[in-house]
Protein backbone atom coordinates (compact mmCIF):
# COMPACT_ATOMS: atom_id res chain seq x y z
CA MET A 1 6.46 5.20 4.65
CA PRO A 2 4.68 7.11 7.37
CA ALA A 3 1.33 5.55 8.21
CA ASP A 4 -0.53 8.78 7.45
CA GLN A 5 0.65 8.61 3.80
CA ALA A 6 0.36 4.90 3.06
CA ARG A 7 -3.38 4.69 2.44
CA ALA A 8 -3.25 7.68 0.10
CA ARG A 9 -0.52 5.96 -1.92
CA VAL A 10 -2.58 2.78 -2.13
CA ASP A 11 -5.61 4.77 -3.28
CA ALA A 12 -3.52 6.60 -5.90
CA ALA A 13 -2.13 3.33 -7.27
CA LEU A 14 -5.62 1.86 -7.53
CA ALA A 15 -6.93 5.00 -9.24
CA ALA A 16 -4.09 4.72 -11.77
CA GLY A 17 -5.26 1.25 -12.80
CA GLY A 18 -3.51 -0.98 -10.30
CA ARG A 19 -5.26 -3.73 -8.43
CA LEU A 20 -5.14 -4.89 -4.86
CA ALA A 21 -3.44 -8.28 -4.67
CA ASP A 22 -3.47 -8.73 -0.87
CA ASP A 23 -4.53 -6.55 2.02
CA SER A 24 -4.58 -9.21 4.73
CA CYS A 25 -1.89 -7.33 6.70
CA ALA A 26 -3.29 -3.82 6.19
CA PRO A 27 -2.64 -1.25 7.50
CA ALA A 28 0.91 -2.55 8.00
CA TRP A 29 1.27 -3.26 4.27
CA TRP A 30 -0.61 -3.81 1.05
CA SER A 31 0.47 -5.81 -2.00
CA LEU A 32 -0.57 -4.27 -5.31
CA ALA A 33 -0.22 -5.25 -8.95
CA SER A 34 -0.01 -3.06 -12.02
CA PRO A 35 -2.22 -3.67 -15.07
CA ASP A 36 0.64 -5.70 -16.60
CA ASN A 37 0.94 -7.72 -13.36
CA LYS A 38 4.10 -6.23 -11.89
CA GLY A 39 3.96 -6.31 -8.09
CA VAL A 40 4.75 -3.73 -5.44
CA ASP A 41 4.24 -3.57 -1.67
CA ILE A 42 3.39 -0.43 0.21
CA ALA A 43 4.41 -0.68 3.86
CA SER A 44 3.82 1.76 6.68
CA TRP A 45 5.13 2.27 10.15
CA THR A 46 3.80 4.02 13.20
CA ASP A 47 6.13 6.44 14.93
CA THR A 48 6.17 5.75 18.63
CA THR A 49 8.24 6.93 21.54
CA ASP A 50 8.93 4.86 24.63
């Protein structure tokens, strides 16, 4: 997803009861887990032009 939306999605998932499983590669991606331990990654990209 666009980098300007990724952090908001992470924050929304945490506010909904999720937990942060790994943020060692943030802001490229975050690994989250739901309260019942189902995993999801949120990945971002930066739009660039060469």
